Amino acid sequence: MPKGGRCPICKKPMVDAVAPFCSTHCKNVDLNRWLSGLYVIPGESVPVEEEGEDFSEDI
């Protein structure tokens, strides 16, 4: 990791132990944003598997 970076959440100086964040708190804030869908990577929509469907033979 580059030295002197800034935390993407609060802009405080980055700490190597939790890079690129400044603290475990900011690391967890970022993780929560990914898990709650606030961050997304653009791309094609993927159909949601219906309950009970088995796609294992498609592989």
C-alpha atoms as a PDB file:
ATOM      1  CA  MET A   1       0.000   0.000   0.000  1.00  0.00           C
ATOM      2  CA  PRO A   2       1.252   3.479  -0.730  1.00  0.00           C
ATOM      3  CA  LYS A   3       2.388   5.448   2.289  1.00  0.00           C
ATOM      4  CA  GLY A   4       0.505   8.641   3.125  1.00  0.00           C
ATOM      5  CA  GLY A   5      -2.871   7.604   1.707  1.00  0.00           C
ATOM      6  CA  ARG A   6      -6.189   8.772   3.089  1.00  0.00           C
ATOM      7  CA  CYS A   7      -9.086   6.719   4.401  1.00  0.00           C
ATOM      8  CA  PRO A   8     -11.842   6.622   1.744  1.00  0.00           C
ATOM      9  CA  ILE A   9     -14.521   6.864   4.454  1.00  0.00           C
ATOM     10  CA  CYS A  10     -13.391   9.736   6.720  1.00  0.00           C
ATOM     11  CA  LYS A  11     -10.246  11.059   4.942  1.00  0.00           C
ATOM     12  CA  LYS A  12      -8.002  10.610   8.007  1.00  0.00           C
ATOM     13  CA  PRO A  13      -4.487   9.240   7.373  1.00  0.00           C
ATOM     14  CA  MET A  14      -4.405   5.566   6.409  1.00  0.00           C
ATOM     15  CA  VAL A  15      -3.078   2.978   8.909  1.00  0.00           C
ATOM     16  CA  ASP A  16      -1.101   0.059   7.429  1.00  0.00           C
ATOM     17  CA  ALA A  17      -2.785  -2.541   9.671  1.00  0.00           C
ATOM     18  CA  VAL A  18      -6.225  -1.787   8.177  1.00  0.00           C
ATOM     19  CA  ALA A  19      -5.172  -0.224   4.847  1.00  0.00           C
ATOM     20  CA  PRO A  20      -6.637   1.508   2.968  1.00  0.00           C
ATOM     21  CA  PHE A  21      -8.664   2.609   5.999  1.00  0.00           C
ATOM     22  CA  CYS A  22      -7.704   4.475   9.176  1.00  0.00           C
ATOM     23  CA  SER A  23      -9.490   2.163  11.634  1.00  0.00           C
ATOM     24  CA  THR A  24     -11.477  -1.021  11.979  1.00  0.00           C
ATOM     25  CA  HIS A  25     -14.583   1.156  12.324  1.00  0.00           C
ATOM     26  CA  CYS A  26     -14.113   2.700   8.869  1.00  0.00           C
ATOM     27  CA  LYS A  27     -13.269  -0.736   7.445  1.00  0.00           C
ATOM     28  CA  ASN A  28     -16.580  -2.062   8.818  1.00  0.00           C
ATOM     29  CA  VAL A  29     -18.510   0.972   7.512  1.00  0.00           C
ATOM     30  CA  ASP A  30     -17.184   0.192   4.028  1.00  0.00           C
ATOM     31  CA  LEU A  31     -18.047  -3.509   4.340  1.00  0.00           C
ATOM     32  CA  ASN A  32     -21.583  -2.617   5.461  1.00  0.00           C
ATOM     33  CA  ARG A  33     -22.012  -0.357   2.428  1.00  0.00           C
ATOM     34  CA  TRP A  34     -21.073  -3.239   0.107  1.00  0.00           C
ATOM     35  CA  LEU A  35     -23.298  -5.738   1.912  1.00  0.00           C
ATOM     36  CA  SER A  36     -26.303  -3.402   2.007  1.00  0.00           C
ATOM     37  CA  GLY A  37     -26.051  -2.673  -1.728  1.00  0.00           C
ATOM     38  CA  LEU A  38     -24.971   0.965  -1.515  1.00  0.00           C
ATOM     39  CA  TYR A  39     -21.899   0.105  -3.587  1.00  0.00           C
ATOM     40  CA  VAL A  40     -22.434  -1.818  -6.805  1.00  0.00           C
ATOM     41  CA  ILE A  41     -20.270  -2.778  -9.740  1.00  0.00           C
ATOM     42  CA  PRO A  42     -22.079  -1.996 -13.000  1.00  0.00           C
ATOM     43  CA  GLY A  43     -22.875  -4.923 -15.240  1.00  0.00           C
ATOM     44  CA  GLU A  44     -25.641  -7.050 -16.656  1.00  0.00           C
ATOM     45  CA  SER A  45     -28.409  -8.133 -14.315  1.00  0.00           C
ATOM     46  CA  VAL A  46     -28.209 -11.727 -13.176  1.00  0.00           C
ATOM     47  CA  PRO A  47     -31.507 -13.587 -12.800  1.00  0.00           C
ATOM     48  CA  VAL A  48     -32.371 -14.485  -9.222  1.00  0.00           C
ATOM     49  CA  GLU A  49     -32.671 -18.225  -8.650  1.00  0.00           C
ATOM     50  CA  GLU A  50     -36.196 -19.248  -7.730  1.00  0.00           C
ATOM     51  CA  GLU A  51     -36.563 -21.376  -4.631  1.00  0.00           C
ATOM     52  CA  GLY A  52     -36.466 -25.044  -5.525  1.00  0.00           C
ATOM     53  CA  GLU A  53     -34.788 -24.631  -8.925  1.00  0.00           C
ATOM     54  CA  ASP A  54     -31.664 -26.715  -9.444  1.00  0.00           C
ATOM     55  CA  PHE A  55     -29.132 -25.345 -11.916  1.00  0.00           C
ATOM     56  CA  SER A  56     -26.374 -27.803 -11.012  1.00  0.00           C
ATOM     57  CA  GLU A  57     -26.756 -29.628 -14.359  1.00  0.00           C
ATOM     58  CA  ASP A  58     -26.104 -26.367 -16.260  1.00  0.00           C
ATOM     59  CA  ILE A  59     -22.485 -26.270 -15.075  1.00  0.00           C
END
